[in-house]
N, C-alpha and C. Protein backbone atom coordinates (compact mmCIF):
# COMPACT_ATOMS: atom_id res chain seq x y z
N MET A 1 0.85 -1.18 0.00
CA MET A 1 0.00 0.00 0.00
C MET A 1 0.89 1.25 0.00
N VAL A 2 0.54 2.20 -0.84
CA VAL A 2 1.31 3.44 -0.95
C VAL A 2 0.79 4.41 0.10
N ARG A 3 1.70 4.96 0.86
CA ARG A 3 1.32 5.93 1.88
C ARG A 3 1.24 7.32 1.26
N PRO A 4 0.39 8.21 1.83
CA PRO A 4 0.27 9.57 1.28
C PRO A 4 1.61 10.29 1.18
N LYS A 5 2.49 10.09 2.18
CA LYS A 5 3.79 10.77 2.16
C LYS A 5 4.62 10.30 0.97
N GLN A 6 4.58 8.97 0.68
CA GLN A 6 5.31 8.43 -0.46
C GLN A 6 4.72 8.95 -1.77
N LEU A 7 3.38 9.05 -1.81
CA LEU A 7 2.71 9.55 -3.00
C LEU A 7 3.12 10.99 -3.28
N LEU A 8 3.15 11.81 -2.23
CA LEU A 8 3.57 13.21 -2.40
C LEU A 8 5.02 13.29 -2.85
N SER A 9 5.88 12.44 -2.31
CA SER A 9 7.29 12.44 -2.73
C SER A 9 7.40 12.05 -4.19
N ALA A 10 6.65 11.02 -4.60
CA ALA A 10 6.68 10.59 -6.00
C ALA A 10 6.15 11.68 -6.92
N LEU A 11 5.10 12.37 -6.49
CA LEU A 11 4.53 13.46 -7.28
C LEU A 11 5.54 14.59 -7.42
N ALA A 12 6.23 14.91 -6.34
CA ALA A 12 7.24 15.98 -6.38
C ALA A 12 8.35 15.63 -7.36
N VAL A 13 8.78 14.37 -7.36
CA VAL A 13 9.82 13.93 -8.29
C VAL A 13 9.31 14.02 -9.73
N ALA A 14 8.06 13.59 -9.95
CA ALA A 14 7.49 13.63 -11.31
C ALA A 14 7.40 15.06 -11.82
N VAL A 15 6.98 15.98 -10.96
CA VAL A 15 6.90 17.39 -11.37
C VAL A 15 8.29 17.92 -11.68
N ALA A 16 9.26 17.60 -10.84
CA ALA A 16 10.63 18.06 -11.06
C ALA A 16 11.18 17.51 -12.38
N VAL A 17 10.90 16.25 -12.68
CA VAL A 17 11.36 15.66 -13.93
C VAL A 17 10.66 16.32 -15.10
N GLY A 18 9.38 16.62 -14.96
CA GLY A 18 8.62 17.27 -16.04
C GLY A 18 9.16 18.64 -16.38
N VAL A 19 9.56 19.38 -15.36
CA VAL A 19 10.09 20.72 -15.59
C VAL A 19 11.58 20.65 -15.97
N ALA A 20 12.20 19.52 -15.68
CA ALA A 20 13.63 19.37 -15.96
C ALA A 20 13.94 19.46 -17.44
N GLY A 21 12.95 19.33 -18.29
CA GLY A 21 13.17 19.48 -19.72
C GLY A 21 13.71 20.85 -20.05
N CYS A 22 13.63 21.77 -19.12
CA CYS A 22 14.09 23.12 -19.37
C CYS A 22 15.30 23.41 -18.50
N SER A 23 16.39 22.76 -18.80
CA SER A 23 17.68 22.97 -18.18
C SER A 23 17.73 22.63 -16.70
N ALA A 24 16.79 21.84 -16.23
CA ALA A 24 16.80 21.28 -14.88
C ALA A 24 16.85 22.34 -13.78
N GLN A 25 16.42 23.53 -14.05
CA GLN A 25 16.40 24.56 -13.02
C GLN A 25 14.96 25.03 -12.81
N PRO A 26 14.46 24.89 -11.60
CA PRO A 26 13.10 25.38 -11.34
C PRO A 26 13.01 26.88 -11.66
N GLY A 27 11.85 27.27 -12.15
CA GLY A 27 11.64 28.68 -12.45
C GLY A 27 12.14 29.09 -13.83
N THR A 28 12.53 28.13 -14.65
CA THR A 28 13.02 28.42 -15.99
C THR A 28 11.87 28.39 -16.97
N ALA A 29 11.70 29.45 -17.74
CA ALA A 29 10.69 29.48 -18.79
C ALA A 29 11.27 28.91 -20.08
N ALA A 30 12.52 29.25 -20.38
CA ALA A 30 13.18 28.75 -21.59
C ALA A 30 14.69 28.90 -21.44
N VAL A 31 15.40 28.17 -22.28
CA VAL A 31 16.85 28.30 -22.40
C VAL A 31 17.15 28.42 -23.88
N VAL A 32 17.87 29.48 -24.25
CA VAL A 32 18.21 29.74 -25.65
C VAL A 32 19.72 29.76 -25.78
N ASN A 33 20.24 28.79 -26.52
CA ASN A 33 21.69 28.70 -26.72
C ASN A 33 22.45 28.83 -25.41
N GLY A 34 21.91 28.20 -24.37
CA GLY A 34 22.55 28.19 -23.05
C GLY A 34 22.19 29.36 -22.15
N THR A 35 21.47 30.34 -22.66
CA THR A 35 21.05 31.49 -21.85
C THR A 35 19.66 31.24 -21.29
N ARG A 36 19.56 31.31 -19.98
CA ARG A 36 18.31 31.02 -19.29
C ARG A 36 17.40 32.25 -19.25
N ILE A 37 16.12 32.04 -19.56
CA ILE A 37 15.07 33.04 -19.38
C ILE A 37 14.20 32.53 -18.25
N THR A 38 14.19 33.24 -17.14
CA THR A 38 13.44 32.77 -15.97
C THR A 38 11.96 33.16 -16.08
N GLU A 39 11.16 32.47 -15.31
CA GLU A 39 9.74 32.83 -15.26
C GLU A 39 9.56 34.22 -14.65
N ASP A 40 10.45 34.62 -13.73
CA ASP A 40 10.39 35.98 -13.17
C ASP A 40 10.67 37.02 -14.25
N GLN A 41 11.66 36.76 -15.10
CA GLN A 41 11.96 37.69 -16.20
C GLN A 41 10.77 37.77 -17.16
N LEU A 42 10.18 36.62 -17.45
CA LEU A 42 9.00 36.59 -18.32
C LEU A 42 7.86 37.38 -17.70
N ASP A 43 7.63 37.19 -16.40
CA ASP A 43 6.56 37.94 -15.70
C ASP A 43 6.83 39.43 -15.75
N ASP A 44 8.09 39.83 -15.47
CA ASP A 44 8.44 41.26 -15.50
C ASP A 44 8.16 41.85 -16.88
N ALA A 45 8.65 41.19 -17.92
CA ALA A 45 8.48 41.71 -19.28
C ALA A 45 7.00 41.78 -19.66
N THR A 46 6.25 40.76 -19.28
CA THR A 46 4.82 40.74 -19.61
C THR A 46 4.08 41.88 -18.91
N LEU A 47 4.33 42.03 -17.61
CA LEU A 47 3.64 43.09 -16.85
C LEU A 47 4.03 44.48 -17.34
N GLU A 48 5.29 44.68 -17.64
CA GLU A 48 5.73 45.99 -18.13
C GLU A 48 5.16 46.29 -19.50
N TYR A 49 5.04 45.28 -20.35
CA TYR A 49 4.43 45.48 -21.66
C TYR A 49 2.97 45.89 -21.50
N VAL A 50 2.24 45.19 -20.66
CA VAL A 50 0.82 45.50 -20.42
C VAL A 50 0.69 46.90 -19.83
N ASP A 51 1.53 47.23 -18.84
CA ASP A 51 1.48 48.56 -18.22
C ASP A 51 1.78 49.66 -19.23
N LEU A 52 2.75 49.42 -20.11
CA LEU A 52 3.16 50.46 -21.06
C LEU A 52 2.15 50.64 -22.20
N THR A 53 1.63 49.53 -22.70
CA THR A 53 0.78 49.61 -23.89
C THR A 53 -0.72 49.59 -23.58
N GLY A 54 -1.08 49.08 -22.41
CA GLY A 54 -2.49 48.92 -22.09
C GLY A 54 -3.12 47.76 -22.84
N GLN A 55 -2.31 47.00 -23.54
CA GLN A 55 -2.78 45.85 -24.32
C GLN A 55 -2.50 44.56 -23.55
N PRO A 56 -3.43 43.60 -23.60
CA PRO A 56 -3.14 42.31 -22.97
C PRO A 56 -2.03 41.59 -23.71
N ALA A 57 -1.31 40.76 -23.01
CA ALA A 57 -0.22 40.00 -23.63
C ALA A 57 -0.18 38.61 -23.03
N GLU A 58 -0.22 37.61 -23.88
CA GLU A 58 -0.09 36.23 -23.44
C GLU A 58 1.38 35.96 -23.12
N PRO A 59 1.66 35.30 -22.00
CA PRO A 59 3.05 34.99 -21.67
C PRO A 59 3.79 34.23 -22.77
N THR A 60 3.10 33.34 -23.48
CA THR A 60 3.76 32.60 -24.56
C THR A 60 4.23 33.53 -25.66
N VAL A 61 3.45 34.56 -25.97
CA VAL A 61 3.83 35.52 -27.00
C VAL A 61 5.05 36.32 -26.53
N VAL A 62 5.03 36.74 -25.27
CA VAL A 62 6.17 37.48 -24.72
C VAL A 62 7.40 36.59 -24.67
N LEU A 63 7.22 35.32 -24.29
CA LEU A 63 8.35 34.39 -24.26
C LEU A 63 8.93 34.19 -25.65
N ASN A 64 8.08 34.05 -26.66
CA ASN A 64 8.56 33.97 -28.04
C ASN A 64 9.42 35.18 -28.38
N THR A 65 8.99 36.36 -27.94
CA THR A 65 9.73 37.58 -28.22
C THR A 65 11.06 37.61 -27.47
N LEU A 66 11.06 37.16 -26.22
CA LEU A 66 12.30 37.10 -25.45
C LEU A 66 13.29 36.11 -26.07
N ILE A 67 12.78 35.02 -26.60
CA ILE A 67 13.65 34.05 -27.29
C ILE A 67 14.25 34.71 -28.53
N ALA A 68 13.41 35.38 -29.31
CA ALA A 68 13.90 36.09 -30.49
C ALA A 68 14.90 37.16 -30.09
N ALA A 69 14.67 37.80 -28.95
CA ALA A 69 15.56 38.86 -28.47
C ALA A 69 16.93 38.31 -28.11
N ASP A 70 17.03 37.03 -27.88
CA ASP A 70 18.32 36.43 -27.60
C ASP A 70 19.08 36.14 -28.89
N VAL A 71 18.35 35.92 -29.98
CA VAL A 71 18.96 35.53 -31.25
C VAL A 71 19.20 36.73 -32.17
N PHE A 72 18.29 37.69 -32.17
CA PHE A 72 18.30 38.77 -33.16
C PHE A 72 19.38 39.83 -33.01
N PRO A 73 19.84 40.17 -31.81
CA PRO A 73 20.79 41.29 -31.69
C PRO A 73 22.04 41.17 -32.56
N ALA A 74 22.60 39.99 -32.70
CA ALA A 74 23.81 39.85 -33.53
C ALA A 74 23.49 40.17 -34.99
N ILE A 75 22.33 39.76 -35.44
CA ILE A 75 21.92 40.04 -36.82
C ILE A 75 21.65 41.53 -36.99
N ALA A 76 20.96 42.12 -36.01
CA ALA A 76 20.66 43.55 -36.05
C ALA A 76 21.96 44.36 -36.07
N ALA A 77 22.92 43.98 -35.26
CA ALA A 77 24.20 44.70 -35.21
C ALA A 77 24.93 44.61 -36.56
N LYS A 78 24.89 43.44 -37.16
CA LYS A 78 25.55 43.24 -38.47
C LYS A 78 24.97 44.17 -39.52
N HIS A 79 23.70 44.51 -39.41
CA HIS A 79 23.02 45.36 -40.39
C HIS A 79 22.85 46.80 -39.91
N GLY A 80 23.51 47.14 -38.80
CA GLY A 80 23.45 48.52 -38.30
C GLY A 80 22.11 48.89 -37.69
N LEU A 81 21.38 47.92 -37.17
CA LEU A 81 20.04 48.17 -36.63
C LEU A 81 19.97 48.07 -35.11
N ALA A 82 21.06 47.71 -34.47
CA ALA A 82 21.06 47.49 -33.03
C ALA A 82 21.03 48.82 -32.27
N LEU A 83 20.39 48.80 -31.11
CA LEU A 83 20.32 49.95 -30.23
C LEU A 83 21.01 49.62 -28.91
N SER A 84 21.49 50.64 -28.24
CA SER A 84 22.06 50.43 -26.90
C SER A 84 20.92 50.29 -25.89
N ASP A 85 21.24 49.80 -24.71
CA ASP A 85 20.24 49.72 -23.64
C ASP A 85 19.63 51.10 -23.37
N GLN A 86 20.47 52.13 -23.37
CA GLN A 86 20.00 53.49 -23.10
C GLN A 86 19.03 53.96 -24.18
N GLN A 87 19.32 53.64 -25.43
CA GLN A 87 18.43 54.03 -26.52
C GLN A 87 17.08 53.30 -26.41
N VAL A 88 17.11 52.03 -26.05
CA VAL A 88 15.87 51.27 -25.87
C VAL A 88 15.06 51.88 -24.73
N GLU A 89 15.73 52.14 -23.61
CA GLU A 89 15.03 52.72 -22.46
C GLU A 89 14.43 54.08 -22.82
N GLN A 90 15.19 54.90 -23.56
CA GLN A 90 14.69 56.22 -23.98
C GLN A 90 13.45 56.06 -24.85
N ARG A 91 13.46 55.10 -25.77
CA ARG A 91 12.29 54.89 -26.63
C ARG A 91 11.08 54.43 -25.80
N PHE A 92 11.32 53.57 -24.84
CA PHE A 92 10.22 53.14 -23.97
C PHE A 92 9.68 54.31 -23.14
N GLU A 93 10.59 55.18 -22.66
CA GLU A 93 10.16 56.35 -21.90
C GLU A 93 9.32 57.28 -22.77
N GLU A 94 9.73 57.46 -24.01
CA GLU A 94 8.95 58.29 -24.95
C GLU A 94 7.58 57.67 -25.21
N LEU A 95 7.55 56.36 -25.37
CA LEU A 95 6.29 55.66 -25.59
C LEU A 95 5.39 55.78 -24.37
N ALA A 96 5.98 55.67 -23.19
CA ALA A 96 5.21 55.82 -21.95
C ALA A 96 4.59 57.21 -21.87
N GLN A 97 5.37 58.22 -22.23
CA GLN A 97 4.87 59.59 -22.21
C GLN A 97 3.72 59.75 -23.20
N GLN A 98 3.85 59.20 -24.41
CA GLN A 98 2.79 59.27 -25.41
C GLN A 98 1.52 58.55 -24.95
N GLN A 99 1.71 57.43 -24.26
CA GLN A 99 0.58 56.62 -23.81
C GLN A 99 -0.01 57.09 -22.48
N GLY A 100 0.67 58.03 -21.84
CA GLY A 100 0.23 58.46 -20.52
C GLY A 100 0.48 57.41 -19.46
N ALA A 101 1.46 56.54 -19.71
CA ALA A 101 1.82 55.47 -18.77
C ALA A 101 2.99 55.93 -17.91
N LYS A 102 3.15 55.28 -16.78
CA LYS A 102 4.26 55.60 -15.89
C LYS A 102 5.44 54.68 -16.17
N VAL A 103 6.62 55.24 -16.08
CA VAL A 103 7.85 54.47 -16.16
C VAL A 103 8.03 53.82 -14.79
N PRO A 104 8.33 52.53 -14.75
CA PRO A 104 8.52 51.87 -13.45
C PRO A 104 9.59 52.57 -12.61
N GLU A 105 9.32 52.67 -11.32
CA GLU A 105 10.30 53.26 -10.41
C GLU A 105 11.57 52.42 -10.50
N GLY A 106 12.69 53.04 -10.73
CA GLY A 106 13.94 52.30 -10.89
C GLY A 106 14.20 51.90 -12.33
N GLY A 107 13.31 52.30 -13.24
CA GLY A 107 13.50 52.00 -14.66
C GLY A 107 12.90 50.67 -15.07
N PHE A 108 13.06 50.36 -16.32
CA PHE A 108 12.53 49.13 -16.88
C PHE A 108 13.43 47.95 -16.52
N SER A 109 12.84 46.78 -16.41
CA SER A 109 13.61 45.58 -16.07
C SER A 109 14.54 45.20 -17.22
N PRO A 110 15.64 44.50 -16.91
CA PRO A 110 16.53 44.03 -17.97
C PRO A 110 15.79 43.16 -19.00
N ALA A 111 14.83 42.36 -18.56
CA ALA A 111 14.07 41.52 -19.50
C ALA A 111 13.26 42.39 -20.46
N PHE A 112 12.69 43.48 -19.95
CA PHE A 112 11.90 44.36 -20.82
C PHE A 112 12.81 45.12 -21.78
N ILE A 113 13.99 45.47 -21.33
CA ILE A 113 14.98 46.10 -22.21
C ILE A 113 15.37 45.12 -23.32
N ASP A 114 15.57 43.84 -22.98
CA ASP A 114 15.86 42.82 -24.00
C ASP A 114 14.72 42.73 -25.01
N LEU A 115 13.51 42.74 -24.50
CA LEU A 115 12.33 42.70 -25.37
C LEU A 115 12.36 43.89 -26.33
N GLY A 116 12.71 45.06 -25.80
CA GLY A 116 12.80 46.27 -26.62
C GLY A 116 13.86 46.19 -27.69
N HIS A 117 15.00 45.57 -27.36
CA HIS A 117 16.06 45.41 -28.36
C HIS A 117 15.50 44.70 -29.59
N TYR A 118 14.75 43.65 -29.35
CA TYR A 118 14.18 42.91 -30.48
C TYR A 118 13.10 43.74 -31.18
N LEU A 119 12.14 44.27 -30.42
CA LEU A 119 11.01 44.97 -31.02
C LEU A 119 11.44 46.15 -31.88
N PHE A 120 12.34 46.99 -31.35
CA PHE A 120 12.76 48.17 -32.10
C PHE A 120 13.64 47.82 -33.30
N ALA A 121 14.54 46.84 -33.12
CA ALA A 121 15.41 46.44 -34.24
C ALA A 121 14.60 45.73 -35.32
N ALA A 122 13.63 44.92 -34.92
CA ALA A 122 12.79 44.23 -35.91
C ALA A 122 11.96 45.23 -36.70
N ALA A 123 11.45 46.26 -36.03
CA ALA A 123 10.69 47.31 -36.73
C ALA A 123 11.60 48.05 -37.72
N ALA A 124 12.82 48.34 -37.30
CA ALA A 124 13.77 49.01 -38.19
C ALA A 124 14.14 48.10 -39.36
N ALA A 125 14.25 46.80 -39.10
CA ALA A 125 14.62 45.85 -40.15
C ALA A 125 13.56 45.80 -41.24
N GLN A 126 12.30 45.94 -40.86
CA GLN A 126 11.22 45.91 -41.84
C GLN A 126 11.30 47.08 -42.80
N GLN A 127 11.85 48.20 -42.34
CA GLN A 127 11.98 49.40 -43.18
C GLN A 127 13.32 49.47 -43.90
N SER A 128 14.20 48.54 -43.59
CA SER A 128 15.55 48.55 -44.14
C SER A 128 15.57 48.04 -45.58
N PRO A 129 16.51 48.58 -46.38
CA PRO A 129 16.68 48.04 -47.73
C PRO A 129 17.15 46.57 -47.69
N ASP A 130 17.71 46.15 -46.55
CA ASP A 130 18.18 44.77 -46.38
C ASP A 130 17.13 43.88 -45.71
N ALA A 131 15.88 44.31 -45.73
CA ALA A 131 14.82 43.60 -45.00
C ALA A 131 14.78 42.10 -45.34
N GLN A 132 14.88 41.76 -46.59
CA GLN A 132 14.81 40.36 -46.99
C GLN A 132 15.99 39.57 -46.44
N ALA A 133 17.18 40.12 -46.55
CA ALA A 133 18.38 39.44 -46.04
C ALA A 133 18.31 39.28 -44.52
N VAL A 134 17.87 40.32 -43.83
CA VAL A 134 17.75 40.26 -42.36
C VAL A 134 16.75 39.17 -41.98
N SER A 135 15.62 39.14 -42.66
CA SER A 135 14.59 38.15 -42.38
C SER A 135 15.11 36.73 -42.60
N GLU A 136 15.83 36.52 -43.69
CA GLU A 136 16.37 35.19 -43.98
C GLU A 136 17.42 34.77 -42.94
N GLU A 137 18.29 35.71 -42.56
CA GLU A 137 19.31 35.41 -41.55
C GLU A 137 18.67 35.09 -40.22
N PHE A 138 17.65 35.85 -39.86
CA PHE A 138 16.97 35.64 -38.60
C PHE A 138 16.26 34.28 -38.60
N SER A 139 15.57 33.95 -39.68
CA SER A 139 14.89 32.65 -39.77
C SER A 139 15.88 31.51 -39.64
N ALA A 140 17.01 31.63 -40.31
CA ALA A 140 18.04 30.59 -40.22
C ALA A 140 18.60 30.49 -38.80
N ALA A 141 18.84 31.63 -38.18
CA ALA A 141 19.39 31.63 -36.82
C ALA A 141 18.39 31.02 -35.82
N MET A 142 17.11 31.32 -36.00
CA MET A 142 16.10 30.73 -35.11
C MET A 142 16.01 29.23 -35.32
N SER A 143 16.11 28.79 -36.56
CA SER A 143 16.07 27.34 -36.84
C SER A 143 17.28 26.62 -36.25
N ASP A 144 18.42 27.30 -36.26
CA ASP A 144 19.66 26.70 -35.76
C ASP A 144 19.81 26.81 -34.24
N ALA A 145 19.05 27.70 -33.62
CA ALA A 145 19.19 27.94 -32.18
C ALA A 145 18.79 26.70 -31.38
N LYS A 146 19.49 26.50 -30.29
CA LYS A 146 19.16 25.42 -29.36
C LYS A 146 18.20 26.03 -28.33
N ILE A 147 16.93 25.68 -28.47
CA ILE A 147 15.90 26.27 -27.63
C ILE A 147 15.18 25.17 -26.86
N GLU A 148 15.14 25.33 -25.54
CA GLU A 148 14.36 24.45 -24.67
C GLU A 148 13.29 25.32 -24.01
N VAL A 149 12.07 24.81 -23.96
CA VAL A 149 10.98 25.58 -23.37
C VAL A 149 10.29 24.74 -22.30
N ASN A 150 9.98 25.38 -21.19
CA ASN A 150 9.19 24.73 -20.16
C ASN A 150 7.89 24.28 -20.80
N PRO A 151 7.50 23.02 -20.63
CA PRO A 151 6.29 22.51 -21.29
C PRO A 151 5.03 23.29 -20.93
N ARG A 152 5.08 24.02 -19.86
CA ARG A 152 3.95 24.86 -19.47
C ARG A 152 3.58 25.86 -20.58
N TYR A 153 4.58 26.29 -21.35
CA TYR A 153 4.36 27.30 -22.37
C TYR A 153 4.14 26.71 -23.76
N GLY A 154 4.48 25.46 -23.97
CA GLY A 154 4.27 24.82 -25.24
C GLY A 154 5.51 24.07 -25.71
N GLU A 155 5.57 23.85 -27.01
CA GLU A 155 6.69 23.13 -27.62
C GLU A 155 7.33 24.02 -28.67
N VAL A 156 8.61 23.80 -28.89
CA VAL A 156 9.36 24.58 -29.88
C VAL A 156 9.18 23.93 -31.26
N THR A 157 8.83 24.75 -32.25
CA THR A 157 8.72 24.27 -33.62
C THR A 157 10.10 24.25 -34.25
N LYS A 158 10.22 23.63 -35.43
CA LYS A 158 11.52 23.59 -36.11
C LYS A 158 12.00 24.99 -36.50
N GLU A 159 11.06 25.96 -36.58
CA GLU A 159 11.43 27.34 -36.90
C GLU A 159 11.91 28.11 -35.67
N GLY A 160 11.81 27.48 -34.49
CA GLY A 160 12.27 28.12 -33.27
C GLY A 160 11.21 28.91 -32.53
N ALA A 161 9.95 28.78 -32.91
CA ALA A 161 8.86 29.48 -32.22
C ALA A 161 8.17 28.51 -31.27
N ILE A 162 7.47 29.07 -30.30
CA ILE A 162 6.73 28.25 -29.35
C ILE A 162 5.31 28.05 -29.86
N GLN A 163 4.91 26.80 -29.90
CA GLN A 163 3.55 26.44 -30.27
C GLN A 163 2.84 26.01 -28.98
N PRO A 164 1.80 26.75 -28.56
CA PRO A 164 1.09 26.33 -27.35
C PRO A 164 0.52 24.92 -27.53
N VAL A 165 0.51 24.17 -26.44
CA VAL A 165 0.01 22.80 -26.45
C VAL A 165 -0.96 22.64 -25.29
N GLN A 166 -2.06 21.96 -25.55
CA GLN A 166 -2.99 21.61 -24.48
C GLN A 166 -2.53 20.27 -23.91
N HIS A 167 -2.14 20.26 -22.67
CA HIS A 167 -1.74 19.03 -22.00
C HIS A 167 -2.93 18.49 -21.24
N PRO A 168 -3.32 17.24 -21.47
CA PRO A 168 -4.49 16.69 -20.79
C PRO A 168 -4.31 16.60 -19.28
N TRP A 169 -3.07 16.63 -18.80
CA TRP A 169 -2.82 16.51 -17.38
C TRP A 169 -2.83 17.86 -16.66
N ILE A 170 -3.04 18.96 -17.42
CA ILE A 170 -3.15 20.28 -16.80
C ILE A 170 -4.62 20.67 -16.79
N ALA A 171 -5.14 20.95 -15.60
CA ALA A 171 -6.55 21.35 -15.48
C ALA A 171 -6.76 22.68 -16.16
N GLN A 172 -7.83 22.79 -16.93
CA GLN A 172 -8.18 24.02 -17.62
C GLN A 172 -9.19 24.80 -16.80
N THR A 173 -8.99 26.10 -16.72
CA THR A 173 -10.01 26.94 -16.09
C THR A 173 -11.13 27.09 -17.10
N PRO A 174 -12.35 27.33 -16.67
CA PRO A 174 -13.46 27.42 -17.62
C PRO A 174 -13.23 28.40 -18.76
N GLU A 175 -12.61 29.57 -18.47
CA GLU A 175 -12.38 30.54 -19.55
C GLU A 175 -11.24 30.14 -20.46
N ALA A 176 -10.34 29.26 -20.00
CA ALA A 176 -9.21 28.84 -20.83
C ALA A 176 -9.49 27.52 -21.56
N ALA A 177 -10.55 26.84 -21.16
CA ALA A 177 -10.86 25.56 -21.78
C ALA A 177 -11.23 25.76 -23.25
N PRO A 178 -10.76 24.86 -24.12
CA PRO A 178 -11.08 24.99 -25.55
C PRO A 178 -12.59 24.90 -25.78
N GLN A 179 -13.05 25.71 -26.69
CA GLN A 179 -14.48 25.70 -27.04
C GLN A 179 -14.68 24.66 -28.13
N GLY A 180 -15.77 23.97 -28.09
CA GLY A 180 -15.95 23.02 -29.16
C GLY A 180 -17.09 22.20 -28.97
């Protein structure tokens, strides 16, 4: 007969093994080419995005952007599209002023600055005469990147993006349950 204490221990091990797919560190949302993105960083970036824009943001979408933000800077720099942390922060401050939003006390989080590096450079890349080349290099880099994602957020596609997955072992809240 299995005792409740043994059952809880086995459950704890199973949960740890399930999350271990993401570099074996609790609190990891993803690992990109050896660089860890924590769930705290994801939360910070998501909350700051919502506060700044007033738009809702799914954590999986923000995580996809943070993953891209780890891959894109080298490509952006090669094409003269990269911004410094100070330039990204200044652009976010300007956007906050336009939106009537407050800049977080102590400034924006490093994760949100990383998000900005990607967002601003990607926008500049779309207007660049090298847009096609940048896009192709970025697609190739994302395909080649070693990306691990916490199963909570989904699975990584061959293109390097996160595809949300419904896991039957995760209880769905009524508003999150698939309609059908």
